[in-house]
């Protein structure tokens, strides 16, 4: 099986009403096993690969996800465009729980993760000046406007190691530089760039981080995420058919000037 587009995200977004599943596949990689089997489905005339980042039972914490296996498997399936769905906390008052943010920048505050496919020969330095695909970002924002879904079209995502949430001091520090906070963007987006795949992040805000003097509550996060899943399903249903097959963006040539020869 081959797929044009991949969705990486929570199982709550995947619905039999939304996708007609054609097959479930296991793709072996040199990096071990993927988070789960990959569902190959059809939507709007395009073939879509769906991979639950944390496993179908949500039993893999962010810092233990095998990002390398996940991204390599999607590449083997022929995927060129990746939609990364994620849940985040807000670091700004105007970005409220239930809002959607289409990030344009990120800050990597992880500490122990392997962040590249290239650990030796050849030496590769990819550019992450503008890490998200401009074509996919533009189309995602257009679709959300069309659906009259409020969206923050820019935002800096700070990725922390996890699995714990931030201290109040950390949260106040982070909000000086970023807009939202999560645990899954890194190294997923970096690896996509190294594989010359387009990547867009659609972040659902589930809570205000603890700078707001209210500790993060997992039950509340899950409840907000459940409400956001319906919105995300509508976005995905509209976005998949509208993504251009011809990639007019820098992503297909990410390695062109990155390899040290």
Protein backbone atom coordinates (compact mmCIF):
# COMPACT_ATOMS: atom_id res chain seq x y z
CA UNK A 1 0.00 0.00 0.00
CA UNK A 2 1.03 3.58 -0.65
CA UNK A 3 -0.25 6.81 0.85
CA UNK A 4 -0.13 10.44 -0.23
CA UNK A 5 -0.70 12.13 3.11
CA UNK A 6 -0.18 11.13 6.74
CA UNK A 7 -2.02 12.16 9.87
CA UNK A 8 -0.16 11.69 13.13
CA UNK A 9 -2.34 12.21 16.15
CA UNK A 10 -4.63 10.89 18.82
CA UNK A 11 -7.09 8.07 18.24
CA UNK A 12 -9.98 10.44 19.07
CA UNK A 13 -9.57 12.09 15.68
CA UNK A 14 -9.76 8.84 13.74
CA UNK A 15 -13.38 7.89 13.07
CA UNK A 16 -14.91 5.17 10.87
CA UNK A 17 -17.44 7.82 9.83
CA UNK A 18 -14.65 10.01 8.52
CA UNK A 19 -12.31 7.46 6.95
CA UNK A 20 -12.98 4.31 4.98
CA UNK A 21 -10.17 2.02 6.15
CA UNK A 22 -8.73 -0.12 3.39
CA UNK A 23 -5.98 -1.86 5.31
CA UNK A 24 -3.92 -1.89 8.50
CA UNK A 25 -0.22 -2.32 7.86
CA UNK A 26 2.91 -2.87 9.89
CA UNK A 27 5.96 -1.28 8.27
CA UNK A 28 9.29 -2.65 9.56
CA UNK A 29 12.11 -0.13 9.90
CA UNK A 30 15.77 -0.08 10.90
CA UNK A 31 14.73 2.01 13.90
CA UNK A 32 12.40 -0.52 15.50
CA UNK A 33 8.62 -0.61 15.74
CA UNK A 34 6.21 2.22 15.04
CA UNK A 35 3.82 3.39 17.75
CA UNK A 36 1.10 1.19 16.31
CA UNK A 37 -0.08 -0.35 13.06
CA UNK A 38 -0.73 2.26 10.39
CA UNK A 39 -4.27 2.55 9.03
CA UNK A 40 -4.46 3.18 5.30
CA UNK A 41 -7.68 4.94 4.41
CA UNK A 42 -9.37 6.85 1.62
CA UNK A 43 -10.66 10.38 2.00
CA UNK A 44 -11.67 12.79 -0.72
CA UNK A 45 -9.97 10.81 -3.45
CA UNK A 46 -6.65 10.67 -1.62
CA UNK A 47 -4.96 7.85 0.25
CA UNK A 48 -4.21 8.70 3.86
CA UNK A 49 -1.97 6.98 6.41
CA UNK A 50 -3.14 7.40 10.00
CA UNK A 51 -0.72 6.73 12.86
CA UNK A 52 -1.63 7.23 16.54
CA UNK A 53 1.50 8.83 17.98
CA UNK A 54 1.01 7.41 21.49
CA UNK A 55 -0.40 4.06 20.35
CA UNK A 56 -4.07 3.14 20.00
CA UNK A 57 -4.37 2.74 23.77
CA UNK A 58 -2.37 5.91 24.48
CA UNK A 59 0.20 3.90 26.40
CA UNK A 60 3.39 5.52 25.05
CA UNK A 61 4.46 8.78 26.74
CA UNK A 62 5.86 11.57 24.59
CA UNK A 63 9.48 11.03 25.60
CA UNK A 64 9.27 7.32 24.68
CA UNK A 65 7.62 7.63 21.25
CA UNK A 66 9.78 6.05 18.55
CA UNK A 67 9.68 9.11 16.29
CA UNK A 68 12.40 7.75 14.01
CA UNK A 69 10.47 4.55 13.26
CA UNK A 70 7.21 6.46 12.80
CA UNK A 71 8.61 8.92 10.27
CA UNK A 72 10.70 6.35 8.40
CA UNK A 73 7.66 4.07 8.04
CA UNK A 74 5.56 6.91 6.63
CA UNK A 75 8.33 7.72 4.16
CA UNK A 76 8.41 4.07 3.08
CA UNK A 77 4.67 4.29 2.36
CA UNK A 78 5.34 7.18 0.00
CA UNK A 79 3.97 9.95 2.20
CA UNK A 80 4.99 13.46 1.15
CA UNK A 81 2.75 15.61 3.36
CA UNK A 82 2.29 15.17 7.12
CA UNK A 83 -0.40 16.67 9.34
CA UNK A 84 0.75 16.62 12.94
CA UNK A 85 -2.16 16.89 15.38
CA UNK A 86 -1.29 17.64 18.99
CA UNK A 87 -2.59 18.88 22.33
CA UNK A 88 -0.85 21.85 23.94
CA UNK A 89 -1.07 24.22 26.87
CA UNK A 90 -1.42 27.96 26.41
CA UNK A 91 1.24 30.40 27.55
CA UNK A 92 -0.73 33.51 26.58
CA UNK A 93 -4.00 34.93 27.92
CA UNK A 94 -5.54 35.47 24.48
CA UNK A 95 -4.95 31.84 23.43
CA UNK A 96 -7.78 30.08 25.25
CA UNK A 97 -8.57 26.42 25.93
CA UNK A 98 -10.44 25.08 22.90
CA UNK A 99 -8.52 27.32 20.46
CA UNK A 100 -6.49 26.02 17.51
CA UNK A 101 -2.95 27.22 16.76
CA UNK A 102 -1.09 26.71 13.47
CA UNK A 103 2.49 27.14 14.63
CA UNK A 104 5.03 28.98 12.50
CA UNK A 105 8.04 28.58 14.84
CA UNK A 106 9.26 26.34 17.63
CA UNK A 107 11.76 26.28 20.48
CA UNK A 108 13.34 22.93 21.35
CA UNK A 109 13.64 22.57 25.13
CA UNK A 110 13.92 18.77 25.12
CA UNK A 111 16.96 17.29 26.82
CA UNK A 112 17.50 13.63 25.97
CA UNK A 113 15.93 12.94 22.60
CA UNK A 114 17.75 11.76 19.53
CA UNK A 115 16.88 14.50 17.07
CA UNK A 116 18.29 13.41 13.71
CA UNK A 117 18.62 10.51 11.29
CA UNK A 118 22.18 11.69 10.62
CA UNK A 119 24.59 10.79 13.41
CA UNK A 120 27.70 10.38 11.29
CA UNK A 121 28.74 10.06 7.67
CA UNK A 122 27.35 12.04 5.93
CA UNK A 123 27.17 15.08 8.19
CA UNK A 124 23.92 16.96 7.56
CA UNK A 125 22.81 20.39 8.78
CA UNK A 126 19.20 20.96 7.76
CA UNK A 127 17.76 24.47 7.86
CA UNK A 128 14.94 24.93 10.36
CA UNK A 129 14.70 28.71 10.00
CA UNK A 130 11.09 28.23 8.90
CA UNK A 131 10.36 24.67 10.02
CA UNK A 132 6.76 24.25 8.85
CA UNK A 133 5.66 23.86 5.23
CA UNK A 134 4.40 27.26 4.03
CA UNK A 135 2.07 25.68 1.47
CA UNK A 136 0.42 23.37 4.01
CA UNK A 137 0.18 26.13 6.62
CA UNK A 138 -1.49 28.48 4.14
CA UNK A 139 -4.00 25.86 3.01
CA UNK A 140 -4.81 24.79 6.58
CA UNK A 141 -5.51 28.38 7.61
CA UNK A 142 -7.64 28.92 4.48
CA UNK A 143 -9.72 25.82 5.25
CA UNK A 144 -10.29 26.86 8.85
CA UNK A 145 -11.39 30.33 7.72
CA UNK A 146 -13.75 28.70 5.23
CA UNK A 147 -15.25 26.59 8.04
CA UNK A 148 -15.48 29.70 10.27
CA UNK A 149 -13.27 28.08 12.88
CA UNK A 150 -11.30 30.63 14.93
CA UNK A 151 -7.59 30.02 14.47
CA UNK A 152 -4.32 31.55 15.61
CA UNK A 153 -2.37 31.60 12.34
CA UNK A 154 1.01 32.15 14.01
CA UNK A 155 2.46 30.89 17.26
CA UNK A 156 5.70 29.64 18.73
CA UNK A 157 5.54 26.12 20.17
CA UNK A 158 8.02 25.28 22.93
CA UNK A 159 8.60 21.54 23.21
CA UNK A 160 9.59 20.15 26.61
CA UNK A 161 10.85 16.70 27.50
CA UNK A 162 7.96 15.51 29.67
CA UNK A 163 6.33 13.45 30.93
CA UNK A 164 5.87 15.90 33.81
CA UNK A 165 4.23 19.28 33.36
CA UNK A 166 6.16 22.49 34.03
CA UNK A 167 6.83 24.11 37.37
CA UNK A 168 5.34 27.58 37.80
CA UNK A 169 8.79 29.14 37.47
CA UNK A 170 9.45 27.25 34.20
CA UNK A 171 6.05 28.21 32.82
CA UNK A 172 6.60 31.91 33.55
CA UNK A 173 10.01 31.65 31.90
CA UNK A 174 8.64 29.89 28.81
CA UNK A 175 5.85 32.41 28.24
CA UNK A 176 8.44 35.13 27.70
CA UNK A 177 9.48 33.39 24.48
CA UNK A 178 6.64 31.12 23.30
CA UNK A 179 2.86 30.98 22.88
CA UNK A 180 2.04 27.30 23.42
CA UNK A 181 3.75 24.37 25.13
CA UNK A 182 3.73 20.65 24.35
CA UNK A 183 5.81 17.48 24.37
CA UNK A 184 5.57 15.89 20.90
CA UNK A 185 6.71 18.26 18.16
CA UNK A 186 10.41 17.45 18.57
CA UNK A 187 11.95 15.54 16.86
CA UNK A 188 8.93 14.72 14.68
CA UNK A 189 9.12 17.90 12.60
CA UNK A 190 12.94 17.73 12.31
CA UNK A 191 12.79 14.18 10.98
CA UNK A 192 10.11 15.15 8.47
CA UNK A 193 12.40 17.87 7.12
CA UNK A 194 15.32 15.42 6.87
CA UNK A 195 13.08 13.10 4.85
CA UNK A 196 12.04 16.03 2.61
CA UNK A 197 8.43 15.73 3.71
CA UNK A 198 6.08 18.67 4.21
CA UNK A 199 4.84 19.12 7.79
CA UNK A 200 2.13 21.25 9.37
CA UNK A 201 1.27 21.32 13.07
CA UNK A 202 -2.37 21.73 14.13
CA UNK A 203 -2.33 22.30 17.87
CA UNK A 204 -5.43 22.09 20.07
CA UNK A 205 -5.18 24.15 23.24
CA UNK A 206 -6.42 22.13 26.21
CA UNK A 207 -5.51 24.35 29.17
CA UNK A 208 -3.64 27.36 30.45
CA UNK A 209 -0.23 26.25 31.62
CA UNK A 210 0.57 26.80 35.32
CA UNK A 211 1.71 30.42 34.87
CA UNK A 212 -2.00 31.14 35.25
CA UNK A 213 -1.86 30.02 38.92
CA UNK A 214 -3.97 26.95 38.29
CA UNK A 215 -2.29 23.51 38.20
CA UNK A 216 -2.82 21.48 35.05
CA UNK A 217 -5.50 18.85 35.58
CA UNK A 218 -5.32 15.75 33.34
CA UNK A 219 -9.10 15.15 33.55
CA UNK A 220 -9.82 18.68 32.32
CA UNK A 221 -7.27 18.34 29.55
CA UNK A 222 -8.92 15.15 28.29
CA UNK A 223 -12.38 16.71 28.43
CA UNK A 224 -11.29 19.73 26.40
CA UNK A 225 -9.50 17.48 23.92
CA UNK A 226 -12.66 15.43 23.45
CA UNK A 227 -14.54 18.58 22.45
CA UNK A 228 -11.74 19.64 20.11
CA UNK A 229 -11.71 16.28 18.30
CA UNK A 230 -14.97 17.07 16.48
CA UNK A 231 -13.51 20.34 15.23
CA UNK A 232 -10.33 18.59 14.11
CA UNK A 233 -12.34 15.94 12.26
CA UNK A 234 -14.12 18.67 10.29
CA UNK A 235 -10.82 20.38 9.50
CA UNK A 236 -9.18 17.14 8.35
CA UNK A 237 -12.21 16.19 6.23
CA UNK A 238 -12.00 19.49 4.38
CA UNK A 239 -8.21 19.83 4.30
CA UNK A 240 -7.17 16.43 2.90
CA UNK A 241 -8.91 16.79 -0.50
CA UNK A 242 -7.76 20.40 -0.86
CA UNK A 243 -4.03 19.87 -0.31
CA UNK A 244 -2.27 20.39 -3.67
CA UNK A 245 -0.58 17.28 -5.03
CA UNK A 246 2.11 19.47 -6.60
CA UNK A 247 4.37 20.72 -3.84
CA UNK A 248 5.36 24.34 -4.53
CA UNK A 249 7.44 24.77 -1.39
CA UNK A 250 11.08 24.32 -0.30
CA UNK A 251 10.37 21.01 1.48
CA UNK A 252 11.22 18.60 -1.40
CA UNK A 253 14.76 20.06 -1.50
CA UNK A 254 15.49 20.23 2.23
CA UNK A 255 18.71 18.22 1.79
CA UNK A 256 19.96 19.98 -1.33
CA UNK A 257 22.33 22.32 0.52
CA UNK A 258 22.43 20.51 3.86
CA UNK A 259 24.94 17.73 3.25
CA UNK A 260 28.61 18.30 4.06
CA UNK A 261 30.58 16.71 1.22
